[in-house]
């Protein structure tokens, strides 16, 4: 295995382990993992900043953000209680 694969796998496994322990908020772990992955990718030169930005699926992020806004607006009304 090459160094980039090992480093990426290690970051992924550590993030999953921290998420499973539930001692730190999942959002913080996810953001930290993403930032570490970008830093590792830049230091080890297995992708550039342009490649990292182009890999982001903005349509998916927009859909998720819209769903979160909709849920946060409907939750106080009791919409999700059966």
PDB file of N, CA and C in Angstrom:
ATOM      1  N   UNK A   1       0.843  -1.189   0.000  1.00  0.00           N
ATOM      2  CA  UNK A   1       0.000   0.000   0.000  1.00  0.00           C
ATOM      3  C   UNK A   1       0.881   1.243   0.000  1.00  0.00           C
ATOM      4  N   UNK A   2       0.361   2.270  -0.624  1.00  0.00           N
ATOM      5  CA  UNK A   2       1.117   3.511  -0.693  1.00  0.00           C
ATOM      6  C   UNK A   2       0.813   4.386   0.522  1.00  0.00           C
ATOM      7  N   UNK A   3       1.657   5.362   0.732  1.00  0.00           N
ATOM      8  CA  UNK A   3       1.509   6.255   1.882  1.00  0.00           C
ATOM      9  C   UNK A   3       0.183   7.020   1.870  1.00  0.00           C
ATOM     10  N   UNK A   4      -0.258   7.598   0.731  1.00  0.00           N
ATOM     11  CA  UNK A   4      -1.549   8.312   0.761  1.00  0.00           C
ATOM     12  C   UNK A   4      -2.722   7.422   1.171  1.00  0.00           C
ATOM     13  N   UNK A   5      -2.709   6.173   0.729  1.00  0.00           N
ATOM     14  CA  UNK A   5      -3.793   5.259   1.102  1.00  0.00           C
ATOM     15  C   UNK A   5      -3.760   4.979   2.596  1.00  0.00           C
ATOM     16  N   UNK A   6      -2.585   4.765   3.136  1.00  0.00           N
ATOM     17  CA  UNK A   6      -2.464   4.486   4.569  1.00  0.00           C
ATOM     18  C   UNK A   6      -2.889   5.686   5.413  1.00  0.00           C
ATOM     19  N   UNK A   7      -2.446   6.877   5.020  1.00  0.00           N
ATOM     20  CA  UNK A   7      -2.795   8.081   5.782  1.00  0.00           C
ATOM     21  C   UNK A   7      -4.298   8.336   5.713  1.00  0.00           C
ATOM     22  N   UNK A   8      -4.877   8.240   4.523  1.00  0.00           N
ATOM     23  CA  UNK A   8      -6.321   8.451   4.370  1.00  0.00           C
ATOM     24  C   UNK A   8      -7.119   7.422   5.157  1.00  0.00           C
ATOM     25  N   UNK A   9      -6.687   6.180   5.108  1.00  0.00           N
ATOM     26  CA  UNK A   9      -7.375   5.122   5.854  1.00  0.00           C
ATOM     27  C   UNK A   9      -7.274   5.350   7.352  1.00  0.00           C
ATOM     28  N   UNK A  10      -6.108   5.788   7.812  1.00  0.00           N
ATOM     29  CA  UNK A  10      -5.922   6.044   9.241  1.00  0.00           C
ATOM     30  C   UNK A  10      -6.832   7.179   9.712  1.00  0.00           C
ATOM     31  N   UNK A  11      -6.910   8.258   8.940  1.00  0.00           N
ATOM     32  CA  UNK A  11      -7.787   9.376   9.300  1.00  0.00           C
ATOM     33  C   UNK A  11      -9.239   8.904   9.351  1.00  0.00           C
ATOM     34  N   UNK A  12      -9.647   8.120   8.365  1.00  0.00           N
ATOM     35  CA  UNK A  12     -11.019   7.612   8.304  1.00  0.00           C
ATOM     36  C   UNK A  12     -11.336   6.721   9.502  1.00  0.00           C
ATOM     37  N   UNK A  13     -10.444   5.796   9.828  1.00  0.00           N
ATOM     38  CA  UNK A  13     -10.680   4.864  10.939  1.00  0.00           C
ATOM     39  C   UNK A  13     -10.720   5.610  12.272  1.00  0.00           C
ATOM     40  N   UNK A  14      -9.826   6.575  12.455  1.00  0.00           N
ATOM     41  CA  UNK A  14      -9.820   7.350  13.702  1.00  0.00           C
ATOM     42  C   UNK A  14     -11.121   8.144  13.832  1.00  0.00           C
ATOM     43  N   UNK A  15     -11.575   8.754  12.741  1.00  0.00           N
ATOM     44  CA  UNK A  15     -12.840   9.502  12.785  1.00  0.00           C
ATOM     45  C   UNK A  15     -14.010   8.584  13.118  1.00  0.00           C
ATOM     46  N   UNK A  16     -14.061   7.419  12.487  1.00  0.00           N
ATOM     47  CA  UNK A  16     -15.139   6.476  12.802  1.00  0.00           C
ATOM     48  C   UNK A  16     -15.086   6.034  14.263  1.00  0.00           C
ATOM     49  N   UNK A  17     -13.887   5.751  14.753  1.00  0.00           N
ATOM     50  CA  UNK A  17     -13.742   5.354  16.151  1.00  0.00           C
ATOM     51  C   UNK A  17     -14.226   6.433  17.103  1.00  0.00           C
ATOM     52  N   UNK A  18     -13.889   7.688  16.804  1.00  0.00           N
ATOM     53  CA  UNK A  18     -14.344   8.789  17.652  1.00  0.00           C
ATOM     54  C   UNK A  18     -15.857   8.974  17.572  1.00  0.00           C
ATOM     55  N   UNK A  19     -16.421   8.764  16.398  1.00  0.00           N
ATOM     56  CA  UNK A  19     -17.878   8.872  16.259  1.00  0.00           C
ATOM     57  C   UNK A  19     -18.571   7.785  17.069  1.00  0.00           C
ATOM     58  N   UNK A  20     -18.037   6.565  17.050  1.00  0.00           N
ATOM     59  CA  UNK A  20     -18.656   5.459  17.781  1.00  0.00           C
ATOM     60  C   UNK A  20     -18.579   5.648  19.291  1.00  0.00           C
ATOM     61  N   UNK A  21     -17.542   6.330  19.790  1.00  0.00           N
ATOM     62  CA  UNK A  21     -17.445   6.550  21.234  1.00  0.00           C
ATOM     63  C   UNK A  21     -18.456   7.585  21.724  1.00  0.00           C
ATOM     64  N   UNK A  22     -18.904   8.461  20.835  1.00  0.00           N
ATOM     65  CA  UNK A  22     -19.874   9.513  21.143  1.00  0.00           C
ATOM     66  C   UNK A  22     -19.410  10.458  22.247  1.00  0.00           C
ATOM     67  N   UNK A  23     -18.098  10.626  22.395  1.00  0.00           N
ATOM     68  CA  UNK A  23     -17.577  11.563  23.391  1.00  0.00           C
ATOM     69  C   UNK A  23     -17.434  12.965  22.810  1.00  0.00           C
ATOM     70  N   UNK A  24     -17.357  13.038  21.477  1.00  0.00           N
ATOM     71  CA  UNK A  24     -17.245  14.322  20.792  1.00  0.00           C
ATOM     72  C   UNK A  24     -18.375  14.383  19.767  1.00  0.00           C
ATOM     73  N   UNK A  25     -18.889  15.569  19.540  1.00  0.00           N
ATOM     74  CA  UNK A  25     -19.974  15.754  18.582  1.00  0.00           C
ATOM     75  C   UNK A  25     -19.552  15.262  17.194  1.00  0.00           C
ATOM     76  N   UNK A  26     -20.458  14.556  16.517  1.00  0.00           N
ATOM     77  CA  UNK A  26     -20.172  13.991  15.187  1.00  0.00           C
ATOM     78  C   UNK A  26     -19.810  15.058  14.169  1.00  0.00           C
ATOM     79  N   UNK A  27     -20.438  16.213  14.263  1.00  0.00           N
ATOM     80  CA  UNK A  27     -20.168  17.283  13.307  1.00  0.00           C
ATOM     81  C   UNK A  27     -18.726  17.756  13.429  1.00  0.00           C
ATOM     82  N   UNK A  28     -18.268  17.913  14.659  1.00  0.00           N
ATOM     83  CA  UNK A  28     -16.893  18.353  14.894  1.00  0.00           C
ATOM     84  C   UNK A  28     -15.912  17.320  14.360  1.00  0.00           C
ATOM     85  N   UNK A  29     -16.191  16.052  14.605  1.00  0.00           N
ATOM     86  CA  UNK A  29     -15.312  14.988  14.117  1.00  0.00           C
ATOM     87  C   UNK A  29     -15.300  14.967  12.592  1.00  0.00           C
ATOM     88  N   UNK A  30     -16.458  15.099  11.976  1.00  0.00           N
ATOM     89  CA  UNK A  30     -16.533  15.098  10.515  1.00  0.00           C
ATOM     90  C   UNK A  30     -15.776  16.254   9.892  1.00  0.00           C
ATOM     91  N   UNK A  31     -15.954  17.449  10.446  1.00  0.00           N
ATOM     92  CA  UNK A  31     -15.233  18.611   9.933  1.00  0.00           C
ATOM     93  C   UNK A  31     -13.731  18.474  10.147  1.00  0.00           C
ATOM     94  N   UNK A  32     -13.341  17.998  11.325  1.00  0.00           N
ATOM     95  CA  UNK A  32     -11.915  17.807  11.597  1.00  0.00           C
ATOM     96  C   UNK A  32     -11.321  16.766  10.651  1.00  0.00           C
ATOM     97  N   UNK A  33     -12.056  15.687  10.402  1.00  0.00           N
ATOM     98  CA  UNK A  33     -11.580  14.661   9.477  1.00  0.00           C
ATOM     99  C   UNK A  33     -11.431  15.196   8.069  1.00  0.00           C
ATOM    100  N   UNK A  34     -12.398  16.001   7.626  1.00  0.00           N
ATOM    101  CA  UNK A  34     -12.319  16.586   6.285  1.00  0.00           C
ATOM    102  C   UNK A  34     -11.135  17.535   6.163  1.00  0.00           C
ATOM    103  N   UNK A  35     -10.922  18.346   7.188  1.00  0.00           N
ATOM    104  CA  UNK A  35      -9.790  19.274   7.169  1.00  0.00           C
ATOM    105  C   UNK A  35      -8.470  18.511   7.192  1.00  0.00           C
ATOM    106  N   UNK A  36      -8.383  17.490   8.042  1.00  0.00           N
ATOM    107  CA  UNK A  36      -7.162  16.673   8.078  1.00  0.00           C
ATOM    108  C   UNK A  36      -6.901  15.986   6.744  1.00  0.00           C
ATOM    109  N   UNK A  37      -7.964  15.516   6.101  1.00  0.00           N
ATOM    110  CA  UNK A  37      -7.814  14.853   4.809  1.00  0.00           C
ATOM    111  C   UNK A  37      -7.298  15.834   3.762  1.00  0.00           C
ATOM    112  N   UNK A  38      -7.800  17.072   3.777  1.00  0.00           N
ATOM    113  CA  UNK A  38      -7.319  18.075   2.829  1.00  0.00           C
ATOM    114  C   UNK A  38      -5.868  18.448   3.100  1.00  0.00           C
ATOM    115  N   UNK A  39      -5.520  18.589   4.373  1.00  0.00           N
ATOM    116  CA  UNK A  39      -4.135  18.919   4.724  1.00  0.00           C
ATOM    117  C   UNK A  39      -3.205  17.784   4.325  1.00  0.00           C
ATOM    118  N   UNK A  40      -3.595  16.557   4.634  1.00  0.00           N
ATOM    119  CA  UNK A  40      -2.762  15.401   4.277  1.00  0.00           C
ATOM    120  C   UNK A  40      -2.621  15.281   2.769  1.00  0.00           C
ATOM    121  N   UNK A  41      -3.696  15.513   2.043  1.00  0.00           N
ATOM    122  CA  UNK A  41      -3.639  15.442   0.587  1.00  0.00           C
ATOM    123  C   UNK A  41      -2.725  16.485  -0.007  1.00  0.00           C
ATOM    124  N   UNK A  42      -2.718  17.653   0.579  1.00  0.00           N
ATOM    125  CA  UNK A  42      -1.847  18.724   0.075  1.00  0.00           C
ATOM    126  C   UNK A  42      -0.389  18.456   0.434  1.00  0.00           C
ATOM    127  N   UNK A  43      -0.138  18.008   1.663  1.00  0.00           N
ATOM    128  CA  UNK A  43       1.242  17.744   2.090  1.00  0.00           C
ATOM    129  C   UNK A  43       1.835  16.575   1.321  1.00  0.00           C
ATOM    130  N   UNK A  44       1.048  15.514   1.139  1.00  0.00           N
ATOM    131  CA  UNK A  44       1.544  14.319   0.447  1.00  0.00           C
ATOM    132  C   UNK A  44       1.386  14.413  -1.072  1.00  0.00           C
ATOM    133  N   UNK A  45       0.843  15.526  -1.553  1.00  0.00           N
ATOM    134  CA  UNK A  45       0.708  15.805  -2.988  1.00  0.00           C
ATOM    135  C   UNK A  45      -0.062  14.742  -3.748  1.00  0.00           C
ATOM    136  N   UNK A  46      -1.166  14.224  -3.174  1.00  0.00           N
ATOM    137  CA  UNK A  46      -1.968  13.312  -3.968  1.00  0.00           C
ATOM    138  C   UNK A  46      -3.203  13.992  -4.534  1.00  0.00           C
ATOM    139  N   UNK A  47      -3.384  15.274  -4.275  1.00  0.00           N
ATOM    140  CA  UNK A  47      -4.326  16.111  -5.013  1.00  0.00           C
ATOM    141  C   UNK A  47      -4.040  17.571  -4.721  1.00  0.00           C
ATOM    142  N   UNK A  48      -4.592  18.440  -5.574  1.00  0.00           N
ATOM    143  CA  UNK A  48      -4.406  19.881  -5.417  1.00  0.00           C
ATOM    144  C   UNK A  48      -5.666  20.489  -4.801  1.00  0.00           C
ATOM    145  N   UNK A  49      -5.580  21.776  -4.471  1.00  0.00           N
ATOM    146  CA  UNK A  49      -6.751  22.461  -3.921  1.00  0.00           C
ATOM    147  C   UNK A  49      -7.895  22.476  -4.933  1.00  0.00           C
ATOM    148  N   UNK A  50      -7.566  22.650  -6.205  1.00  0.00           N
ATOM    149  CA  UNK A  50      -8.594  22.677  -7.242  1.00  0.00           C
ATOM    150  C   UNK A  50      -9.319  21.335  -7.328  1.00  0.00           C
ATOM    151  N   UNK A  51      -8.580  20.245  -7.221  1.00  0.00           N
ATOM    152  CA  UNK A  51      -9.201  18.921  -7.261  1.00  0.00           C
ATOM    153  C   UNK A  51     -10.088  18.696  -6.040  1.00  0.00           C
ATOM    154  N   UNK A  52      -9.648  19.186  -4.885  1.00  0.00           N
ATOM    155  CA  UNK A  52     -10.449  19.027  -3.666  1.00  0.00           C
ATOM    156  C   UNK A  52     -11.756  19.808  -3.775  1.00  0.00           C
ATOM    157  N   UNK A  53     -11.699  21.031  -4.279  1.00  0.00           N
ATOM    158  CA  UNK A  53     -12.906  21.843  -4.426  1.00  0.00           C
ATOM    159  C   UNK A  53     -13.824  21.262  -5.496  1.00  0.00           C
ATOM    160  N   UNK A  54     -13.253  20.771  -6.591  1.00  0.00           N
ATOM    161  CA  UNK A  54     -14.088  20.221  -7.664  1.00  0.00           C
ATOM    162  C   UNK A  54     -14.745  18.900  -7.256  1.00  0.00           C
ATOM    163  N   UNK A  55     -14.238  18.238  -6.225  1.00  0.00           N
ATOM    164  CA  UNK A  55     -14.826  16.978  -5.760  1.00  0.00           C
ATOM    165  C   UNK A  55     -16.079  17.201  -4.917  1.00  0.00           C
ATOM    166  N   UNK A  56     -16.327  18.434  -4.498  1.00  0.00           N
ATOM    167  CA  UNK A  56     -17.506  18.736  -3.684  1.00  0.00           C
ATOM    168  C   UNK A  56     -18.739  18.728  -4.574  1.00  0.00           C
ATOM    169  N   UNK A  57     -19.758  17.995  -4.175  1.00  0.00           N
ATOM    170  CA  UNK A  57     -21.022  17.956  -4.919  1.00  0.00           C
ATOM    171  C   UNK A  57     -21.958  19.000  -4.312  1.00  0.00           C
ATOM    172  N   UNK A  58     -21.986  20.172  -4.928  1.00  0.00           N
ATOM    173  CA  UNK A  58     -22.746  21.290  -4.394  1.00  0.00           C
ATOM    174  C   UNK A  58     -24.244  21.027  -4.424  1.00  0.00           C
ATOM    175  N   UNK A  59     -24.722  20.242  -5.392  1.00  0.00           N
ATOM    176  CA  UNK A  59     -26.154  19.914  -5.447  1.00  0.00           C
ATOM    177  C   UNK A  59     -26.579  19.110  -4.222  1.00  0.00           C
ATOM    178  N   UNK A  60     -25.746  18.155  -3.819  1.00  0.00           N
ATOM    179  CA  UNK A  60     -26.055  17.352  -2.636  1.00  0.00           C
ATOM    180  C   UNK A  60     -26.035  18.209  -1.381  1.00  0.00           C
ATOM    181  N   UNK A  61     -25.045  19.086  -1.257  1.00  0.00           N
ATOM    182  CA  UNK A  61     -24.987  19.969  -0.093  1.00  0.00           C
ATOM    183  C   UNK A  61     -26.199  20.896  -0.046  1.00  0.00           C
ATOM    184  N   UNK A  62     -26.626  21.400  -1.199  1.00  0.00           N
ATOM    185  CA  UNK A  62     -27.817  22.246  -1.249  1.00  0.00           C
ATOM    186  C   UNK A  62     -29.067  21.492  -0.834  1.00  0.00           C
ATOM    187  N   UNK A  63     -29.197  20.247  -1.298  1.00  0.00           N
ATOM    188  CA  UNK A  63     -30.346  19.423  -0.918  1.00  0.00           C
ATOM    189  C   UNK A  63     -30.360  19.170   0.585  1.00  0.00           C
ATOM    190  N   UNK A  64     -29.216  18.802   1.147  1.00  0.00           N
ATOM    191  CA  UNK A  64     -29.143  18.547   2.585  1.00  0.00           C
ATOM    192  C   UNK A  64     -29.451  19.805   3.390  1.00  0.00           C
ATOM    193  N   UNK A  65     -28.922  20.941   2.964  1.00  0.00           N
ATOM    194  CA  UNK A  65     -29.172  22.184   3.684  1.00  0.00           C
ATOM    195  C   UNK A  65     -30.656  22.549   3.620  1.00  0.00           C
ATOM    196  N   UNK A  66     -31.265  22.375   2.455  1.00  0.00           N
ATOM    197  CA  UNK A  66     -32.692  22.654   2.327  1.00  0.00           C
ATOM    198  C   UNK A  66     -33.538  21.757   3.209  1.00  0.00           C
ATOM    199  N   UNK A  67     -33.173  20.475   3.279  1.00  0.00           N
ATOM    200  CA  UNK A  67     -33.914  19.550   4.137  1.00  0.00           C
ATOM    201  C   UNK A  67     -33.755  19.921   5.603  1.00  0.00           C
ATOM    202  N   UNK A  68     -32.559  20.324   6.007  1.00  0.00           N
ATOM    203  CA  UNK A  68     -32.336  20.709   7.402  1.00  0.00           C
ATOM    204  C   UNK A  68     -33.140  21.954   7.757  1.00  0.00           C
ATOM    205  N   UNK A  69     -33.201  22.905   6.838  1.00  0.00           N
ATOM    206  CA  UNK A  69     -33.994  24.116   7.081  1.00  0.00           C
ATOM    207  C   UNK A  69     -35.472  23.761   7.209  1.00  0.00           C
ATOM    208  N   UNK A  70     -35.962  22.919   6.315  1.00  0.00           N
ATOM    209  CA  UNK A  70     -37.364  22.506   6.355  1.00  0.00           C
ATOM    210  C   UNK A  70     -37.696  21.782   7.658  1.00  0.00           C
ATOM    211  N   UNK A  71     -36.837  20.872   8.081  1.00  0.00           N
ATOM    212  CA  UNK A  71     -37.067  20.134   9.328  1.00  0.00           C
ATOM    213  C   UNK A  71     -37.032  21.078  10.521  1.00  0.00           C
ATOM    214  N   UNK A  72     -36.077  22.016  10.534  1.00  0.00           N
ATOM    215  CA  UNK A  72     -35.997  22.937  11.674  1.00  0.00           C
ATOM    216  C   UNK A  72     -37.210  23.862  11.739  1.00  0.00           C
ATOM    217  N   UNK A  73     -37.837  24.141  10.602  1.00  0.00           N
ATOM    218  CA  UNK A  73     -39.052  24.960  10.609  1.00  0.00           C
ATOM    219  C   UNK A  73     -40.285  24.160  11.010  1.00  0.00           C
ATOM    220  N   UNK A  74     -40.343  22.881  10.628  1.00  0.00           N
ATOM    221  CA  UNK A  74     -41.522  22.063  10.916  1.00  0.00           C
ATOM    222  C   UNK A  74     -41.501  21.432  12.307  1.00  0.00           C
ATOM    223  N   UNK A  75     -40.323  21.232  12.875  1.00  0.00           N
ATOM    224  CA  UNK A  75     -40.226  20.556  14.171  1.00  0.00           C
ATOM    225  C   UNK A  75     -40.966  21.286  15.292  1.00  0.00           C
ATOM    226  N   UNK A  76     -40.831  22.604  15.435  1.00  0.00           N
ATOM    227  CA  UNK A  76     -41.553  23.277  16.531  1.00  0.00           C
ATOM    228  C   UNK A  76     -43.074  23.193  16.411  1.00  0.00           C
ATOM    229  N   UNK A  77     -43.586  22.947  15.225  1.00  0.00           N
ATOM    230  CA  UNK A  77     -45.039  22.872  15.043  1.00  0.00           C
ATOM    231  C   UNK A  77     -45.606  21.521  15.450  1.00  0.00           C
ATOM    232  N   UNK A  78     -44.739  20.537  15.730  1.00  0.00           N
ATOM    233  CA  UNK A  78     -45.193  19.204  16.091  1.00  0.00           C
ATOM    234  C   UNK A  78     -45.519  18.347  14.886  1.00  0.00           C
ATOM    235  N   UNK A  79     -45.046  18.729  13.725  1.00  0.00           N
ATOM    236  CA  UNK A  79     -45.344  18.028  12.477  1.00  0.00           C
ATOM    237  C   UNK A  79     -44.890  16.574  12.500  1.00  0.00           C
ATOM    238  N   UNK A  80     -43.801  16.280  13.202  1.00  0.00           N
ATOM    239  CA  UNK A  80     -43.226  14.937  13.181  1.00  0.00           C
ATOM    240  C   UNK A  80     -43.710  14.049  14.321  1.00  0.00           C
ATOM    241  N   UNK A  81     -44.640  14.516  15.126  1.00  0.00           N
ATOM    242  CA  UNK A  81     -45.180  13.692  16.208  1.00  0.00           C
ATOM    243  C   UNK A  81     -46.400  12.949  15.700  1.00  0.00           C
ATOM    244  N   UNK A  82     -46.468  11.686  15.992  1.00  0.00           N
ATOM    245  CA  UNK A  82     -47.581  10.858  15.506  1.00  0.00           C
ATOM    246  C   UNK A  82     -48.680  10.814  16.542  1.00  0.00           C
TER     247      UNK A  82
END
